Amino acid sequence: MIQDTRHALVEAAIIVFNEDFSAALEKVAERAGTTRRTLHRYFRDRKELMIECEAEMQKACRIANESAYQLSEEPIERLENMFNAGLECGVKSAFLRKLHHQYGHEHKTHSKTCKEYDQTTSLWRIHMVSLREKGLINKELSMCWIDSFFYSIVEATTNMNGGDDKQKLHQLAWYSFSKGIGL
């Protein structure tokens, strides 16, 4: 039960802080179905909770991306699999990027969390660069633009609560992304 509560608090924090980085810890506890007092039994403060959130997001996204990469040898299928893994990570993927590109973050290659972020995103970047060099995607698109485009689609898809079914949303997201990069 301890691990379940801890995990629920981390998952709730990822959702709450992705929507509002400055949200009160009470919102996190409420989302997790517990109290702030219980939250503090597991985490001393917001910083400790954020460290745990970041570690969870790194792990989940890295595993999803690496698993997706292994599903195919064909470059475009591999890209689609990795794209779908990013969609599956959803809020975790979007929030992880926000942490490393917003909120006053200064990316430092010697920082442990920055190294882990680079490791989490490196397979995606290496594959995208390879596709661009092979002429399979538009060579004029910078990696910065491709990354921003990808994460905006992830966020838009994640924010689509209800309405379309998940499979249809993933198909629409892939269609938008693939056309946007010139496939």
Protein backbone atom coordinates (compact mmCIF):
# COMPACT_ATOMS: atom_id res chain seq x y z
CA MET A 1 0.00 0.00 0.00
CA ILE A 2 2.89 2.38 0.72
CA GLN A 3 4.21 2.03 -2.83
CA ASP A 4 0.69 2.41 -4.24
CA THR A 5 0.15 5.69 -2.38
CA ARG A 6 3.60 6.97 -3.30
CA HIS A 7 3.02 6.07 -6.96
CA ALA A 8 -0.43 7.69 -6.93
CA LEU A 9 1.06 10.90 -5.54
CA VAL A 10 3.77 10.97 -8.20
CA GLU A 11 1.30 10.29 -11.02
CA ALA A 12 -1.06 12.97 -9.67
CA ALA A 13 1.79 15.48 -9.36
CA ILE A 14 2.82 14.89 -12.98
CA ILE A 15 -0.71 15.66 -14.18
CA VAL A 16 -1.28 18.62 -11.86
CA PHE A 17 2.12 20.27 -12.39
CA ASN A 18 1.94 19.77 -16.15
CA GLU A 19 -1.27 21.83 -16.13
CA ASP A 20 -0.07 24.38 -13.54
CA PHE A 21 3.55 24.25 -12.45
CA SER A 22 2.85 26.44 -9.44
CA ALA A 23 -0.18 24.44 -8.25
CA ALA A 24 -0.50 23.90 -4.53
CA LEU A 25 0.46 20.55 -3.04
CA GLU A 26 -3.14 20.27 -1.82
CA LYS A 27 -4.20 19.87 -5.47
CA VAL A 28 -1.74 17.03 -5.91
CA ALA A 29 -2.97 15.29 -2.76
CA GLU A 30 -6.60 15.79 -3.79
CA ARG A 31 -5.94 14.40 -7.28
CA ALA A 32 -4.27 11.35 -5.68
CA GLY A 33 -7.27 10.85 -3.42
CA THR A 34 -5.40 11.65 -0.23
CA THR A 35 -4.48 14.58 2.01
CA ARG A 36 -1.56 16.95 2.09
CA ARG A 37 -0.58 15.44 5.42
CA THR A 38 -0.30 12.02 3.77
CA LEU A 39 1.67 13.56 0.90
CA HIS A 40 4.21 14.86 3.42
CA ARG A 41 4.62 11.38 4.88
CA TYR A 42 6.16 10.41 1.53
CA PHE A 43 7.75 13.68 0.41
CA ARG A 44 9.28 16.36 2.62
CA ASP A 45 8.56 19.14 0.18
CA ARG A 46 7.72 20.12 -3.39
CA LYS A 47 11.36 19.76 -4.50
CA GLU A 48 11.58 16.16 -3.32
CA LEU A 49 8.27 15.35 -5.05
CA MET A 50 9.49 16.96 -8.29
CA ILE A 51 12.71 14.92 -8.20
CA GLU A 52 10.62 11.74 -7.93
CA CYS A 53 8.31 12.93 -10.73
CA GLU A 54 11.21 13.63 -13.03
CA ALA A 55 12.78 10.24 -12.34
CA GLU A 56 9.45 8.51 -13.09
CA MET A 57 8.97 10.46 -16.33
CA GLN A 58 12.55 9.76 -17.47
CA LYS A 59 12.18 6.05 -16.81
CA ALA A 60 8.74 5.65 -18.41
CA CYS A 61 9.57 7.63 -21.54
CA ARG A 62 12.98 6.03 -22.04
CA ILE A 63 11.58 2.49 -21.72
CA ALA A 64 8.67 3.26 -24.07
CA ASN A 65 10.94 4.85 -26.66
CA GLU A 66 13.53 2.07 -26.59
CA SER A 67 10.86 -0.64 -26.81
CA ALA A 68 9.17 1.10 -29.74
CA TYR A 69 12.48 1.47 -31.56
CA GLN A 70 13.07 -2.27 -31.38
CA LEU A 71 9.72 -3.17 -32.96
CA SER A 72 10.85 -2.60 -36.54
CA GLU A 73 13.94 -2.26 -38.71
CA GLU A 74 12.06 -0.21 -41.31
CA PRO A 75 12.90 3.50 -40.67
CA ILE A 76 9.43 5.02 -41.14
CA GLU A 77 7.68 2.26 -39.18
CA ARG A 78 10.27 2.72 -36.46
CA LEU A 79 9.52 6.45 -36.42
CA GLU A 80 5.78 5.83 -36.19
CA ASN A 81 6.31 3.35 -33.35
CA MET A 82 8.46 5.88 -31.47
CA PHE A 83 5.91 8.60 -32.17
CA ASN A 84 3.15 6.42 -30.72
CA ALA A 85 5.32 5.67 -27.68
CA GLY A 86 5.56 9.42 -27.13
CA LEU A 87 1.79 9.67 -27.33
CA GLU A 88 1.43 6.80 -24.86
CA CYS A 89 3.74 8.60 -22.44
CA GLY A 90 1.50 11.62 -23.05
CA VAL A 91 1.55 13.92 -20.04
CA LYS A 92 4.87 12.48 -18.87
CA SER A 93 6.49 13.22 -22.20
CA ALA A 94 5.04 16.73 -22.44
CA PHE A 95 5.85 17.66 -18.85
CA LEU A 96 9.38 16.28 -19.07
CA ARG A 97 10.04 18.51 -22.06
CA LYS A 98 8.55 21.51 -20.26
CA LEU A 99 10.88 20.94 -17.34
CA HIS A 100 13.87 21.03 -19.66
CA HIS A 101 12.76 23.84 -21.93
CA GLN A 102 10.71 26.14 -19.71
CA TYR A 103 10.38 27.26 -16.12
CA GLY A 104 13.78 28.97 -16.19
CA HIS A 105 15.71 25.72 -16.68
CA GLU A 106 19.29 26.10 -17.83
CA HIS A 107 20.38 22.89 -19.54
CA LYS A 108 23.80 21.78 -18.31
CA THR A 109 25.49 18.72 -19.74
CA HIS A 110 27.18 17.91 -16.42
CA SER A 111 23.86 17.90 -14.50
CA LYS A 112 22.55 14.41 -13.66
CA THR A 113 18.94 15.21 -14.63
CA CYS A 114 20.04 16.92 -17.85
CA LYS A 115 22.19 13.92 -18.78
CA GLU A 116 19.22 11.64 -18.15
CA TYR A 117 16.96 13.87 -20.26
CA ASP A 118 19.49 13.79 -23.09
CA GLN A 119 19.69 10.01 -22.78
CA THR A 120 15.89 9.73 -22.83
CA THR A 121 15.56 11.84 -25.99
CA SER A 122 18.77 10.79 -27.80
CA LEU A 123 17.35 7.75 -29.60
CA TRP A 124 14.50 9.87 -31.04
CA ARG A 125 16.92 12.60 -32.11
CA ILE A 126 19.43 10.18 -33.65
CA HIS A 127 16.67 8.50 -35.64
CA MET A 128 15.23 11.83 -36.81
CA VAL A 129 18.67 13.07 -37.93
CA SER A 130 19.20 9.81 -39.80
CA LEU A 131 15.85 10.15 -41.58
CA ARG A 132 16.64 13.74 -42.50
CA GLU A 133 20.10 12.82 -43.83
CA LYS A 134 18.56 10.03 -45.94
CA GLY A 135 16.10 12.52 -47.41
CA LEU A 136 13.10 10.72 -45.92
CA ILE A 137 11.94 13.87 -44.15
CA ASN A 138 12.27 17.51 -45.16
CA LYS A 139 15.94 18.48 -44.79
CA GLU A 140 15.07 22.12 -44.21
CA LEU A 141 13.37 21.36 -40.89
CA SER A 142 15.61 21.90 -37.89
CA MET A 143 15.65 19.40 -35.05
CA CYS A 144 14.43 22.17 -32.76
CA TRP A 145 11.37 22.68 -34.97
CA ILE A 146 10.71 18.93 -35.32
CA ASP A 147 10.95 18.47 -31.53
CA SER A 148 8.63 21.40 -30.86
CA PHE A 149 6.17 20.14 -33.45
CA PHE A 150 6.22 16.63 -32.01
CA TYR A 151 5.65 17.79 -28.43
CA SER A 152 2.85 20.14 -29.48
CA ILE A 153 1.09 17.21 -31.10
CA VAL A 154 1.66 15.08 -27.99
CA GLU A 155 0.21 17.83 -25.83
CA ALA A 156 -2.76 18.43 -28.14
CA THR A 157 -3.51 14.70 -28.24
CA THR A 158 -3.17 14.41 -24.46
CA ASN A 159 -5.54 17.34 -23.97
CA MET A 160 -8.26 15.73 -26.09
CA ASN A 161 -10.32 14.28 -23.26
CA GLY A 162 -13.33 12.44 -24.63
CA GLY A 163 -14.74 12.93 -28.08
CA ASP A 164 -12.62 10.81 -30.37
CA ASP A 165 -11.45 7.36 -29.38
CA LYS A 166 -7.78 6.80 -28.56
CA GLN A 167 -6.94 4.91 -31.76
CA LYS A 168 -8.53 7.60 -33.91
CA LEU A 169 -6.63 10.32 -32.01
CA HIS A 170 -3.34 8.49 -32.52
CA GLN A 171 -4.05 8.12 -36.24
CA LEU A 172 -4.91 11.81 -36.55
CA ALA A 173 -1.80 12.78 -34.58
CA TRP A 174 0.45 10.58 -36.76
CA TYR A 175 -1.16 11.92 -39.94
CA SER A 176 -0.54 15.50 -38.79
CA PHE A 177 3.04 14.84 -37.73
CA SER A 178 4.03 12.75 -40.77
CA LYS A 179 2.63 15.33 -43.20
CA GLY A 180 4.20 18.15 -41.20
CA ILE A 181 7.69 16.69 -41.57
CA GLY A 182 7.25 15.89 -45.23
CA LEU A 183 6.64 12.13 -45.24
